Structures are given as C-alpha cells and as structure tokens.
Amino acid sequence: MARIAAQPDSGAAQARHEVRVLTVRIGAPGGEPGEIPVFKLTQGDDVTIRATSAQGGVLMIHGYTPTGIPVAQAQPATVVFAAVHAGH
C-alpha cells in the first residue's frame, strides 16, 4: 500500500471531511472499452483507491503520485491520500 502525503493548496478552505474508498479495474489492451469512472471528491476527503489491472503497469494520480504506484498483473494496488487540492 502506498500512502501519499501532499501539502494543501495555499488558502485552501477546510471542507467537510469524508472517507472515500474507490475501486478501479483496468481491462486488457484491445479489450472491450468500459465506462471510464469519474469519482467526485471534496477537498479534505481521505481517499483510498484500490486498483487491479489485467496487465502490469503504473497508476498515476495527477497532483499526488509524481513517480506512480506499481500495479502488478491481477494483484491489487492500494493508494491512500488526503484530497488536499481543489479543482477538476
């Protein structure tokens, strides 16, 4: 499990705090395209993402994982972080 520490945006307001657990399943290349999930989070939420993939790769979360989190084929990878950045 990777735990990511991030600094809040300057002037960030303190929003309500929720714990969010999200699951992402990535299919095989060339397979049927699936629906791309969109997760709505609020600044200040504690977020856990559990990702599995049909092939090995790297999970990148813009603004939080500058080097990426390795995801092995068919092995779950878990990333935990606080949603400190505001925006879309």
Protein backbone atom coordinates (compact mmCIF):
# COMPACT_ATOMS: atom_id res chain seq x y z
CA MET A 1 0.00 0.00 0.00
CA ALA A 2 1.27 3.45 -0.85
CA ARG A 3 0.47 6.35 1.43
CA ILE A 4 0.85 9.76 -0.20
CA ALA A 5 1.41 12.95 1.76
CA ALA A 6 0.57 16.19 -0.01
CA GLN A 7 0.54 19.80 1.07
CA PRO A 8 -2.76 21.68 0.76
CA ASP A 9 -3.15 24.44 -1.79
CA SER A 10 -2.41 27.83 -0.27
CA GLY A 11 -5.58 29.43 1.02
CA ALA A 12 -7.47 26.14 0.86
CA ALA A 13 -10.68 26.19 2.84
CA GLN A 14 -11.42 23.47 5.35
CA ALA A 15 -14.26 21.45 3.84
CA ARG A 16 -16.32 18.66 5.32
CA HIS A 17 -14.31 15.51 5.77
CA GLU A 18 -15.32 12.11 4.38
CA VAL A 19 -13.55 8.79 3.98
CA ARG A 20 -13.86 7.55 0.39
CA VAL A 21 -12.91 4.06 -0.84
CA LEU A 22 -12.80 3.77 -4.65
CA THR A 23 -12.26 0.66 -6.79
CA VAL A 24 -10.73 0.79 -10.27
CA ARG A 25 -10.50 -2.22 -12.59
CA ILE A 26 -8.36 -1.81 -15.70
CA GLY A 27 -9.02 -4.24 -18.56
CA ALA A 28 -6.69 -5.83 -21.06
CA PRO A 29 -5.38 -3.80 -24.02
CA GLY A 30 -7.56 -4.28 -27.08
CA GLY A 31 -10.46 -5.50 -24.95
CA GLU A 32 -13.91 -4.05 -24.94
CA PRO A 33 -13.77 -0.43 -23.77
CA GLY A 34 -15.51 0.04 -20.48
CA GLU A 35 -17.05 3.06 -18.91
CA ILE A 36 -14.43 5.47 -17.58
CA PRO A 37 -15.21 6.12 -13.94
CA VAL A 38 -15.40 9.65 -12.64
CA PHE A 39 -15.11 9.99 -8.89
CA LYS A 40 -16.38 13.16 -7.23
CA LEU A 41 -14.32 14.08 -4.19
CA THR A 42 -14.30 17.04 -1.87
CA GLN A 43 -11.17 18.82 -0.76
CA GLY A 44 -10.27 17.35 2.63
CA ASP A 45 -11.61 13.84 1.95
CA ASP A 46 -9.43 10.88 2.93
CA VAL A 47 -9.23 8.72 -0.19
CA THR A 48 -8.32 5.07 -0.69
CA ILE A 49 -8.04 3.80 -4.27
CA ARG A 50 -7.85 0.05 -4.85
CA ALA A 51 -6.75 -0.73 -8.40
CA THR A 52 -6.43 -4.03 -10.24
CA SER A 53 -5.24 -4.48 -13.80
CA ALA A 54 -5.28 -7.21 -16.44
CA GLN A 55 -1.60 -6.41 -17.03
CA GLY A 56 1.17 -4.79 -15.01
CA GLY A 57 1.64 -1.06 -15.15
CA VAL A 58 1.81 2.14 -13.14
CA LEU A 59 -1.06 4.02 -11.50
CA MET A 60 -0.69 7.80 -11.78
CA ILE A 61 -2.86 10.27 -9.87
CA HIS A 62 -2.25 13.77 -11.17
CA GLY A 63 -1.02 16.04 -8.40
CA TYR A 64 -0.42 13.18 -5.96
CA THR A 65 1.84 10.49 -7.48
CA PRO A 66 4.75 12.11 -9.34
CA THR A 67 6.50 8.74 -9.79
CA GLY A 68 3.47 6.46 -10.00
CA ILE A 69 2.42 3.41 -8.00
CA PRO A 70 3.30 -0.01 -9.47
CA VAL A 71 0.34 -2.28 -10.23
CA ALA A 72 1.16 -5.95 -10.85
CA GLN A 73 -0.99 -8.09 -13.13
CA ALA A 74 -4.11 -9.29 -11.26
CA GLN A 75 -2.71 -8.05 -7.92
CA PRO A 76 -4.50 -5.20 -6.15
CA ALA A 77 -2.58 -1.99 -5.51
CA THR A 78 -3.83 0.39 -2.83
CA VAL A 79 -3.13 4.12 -2.64
CA VAL A 80 -4.18 6.23 0.37
CA PHE A 81 -4.10 10.04 0.39
CA ALA A 82 -5.89 13.16 1.57
CA ALA A 83 -7.58 15.15 -1.21
CA VAL A 84 -5.84 18.45 -0.50
CA HIS A 85 -6.03 20.00 -3.98
CA ALA A 86 -9.11 21.86 -5.18
CA GLY A 87 -10.27 21.82 -8.79
CA HIS A 88 -11.42 19.48 -11.53
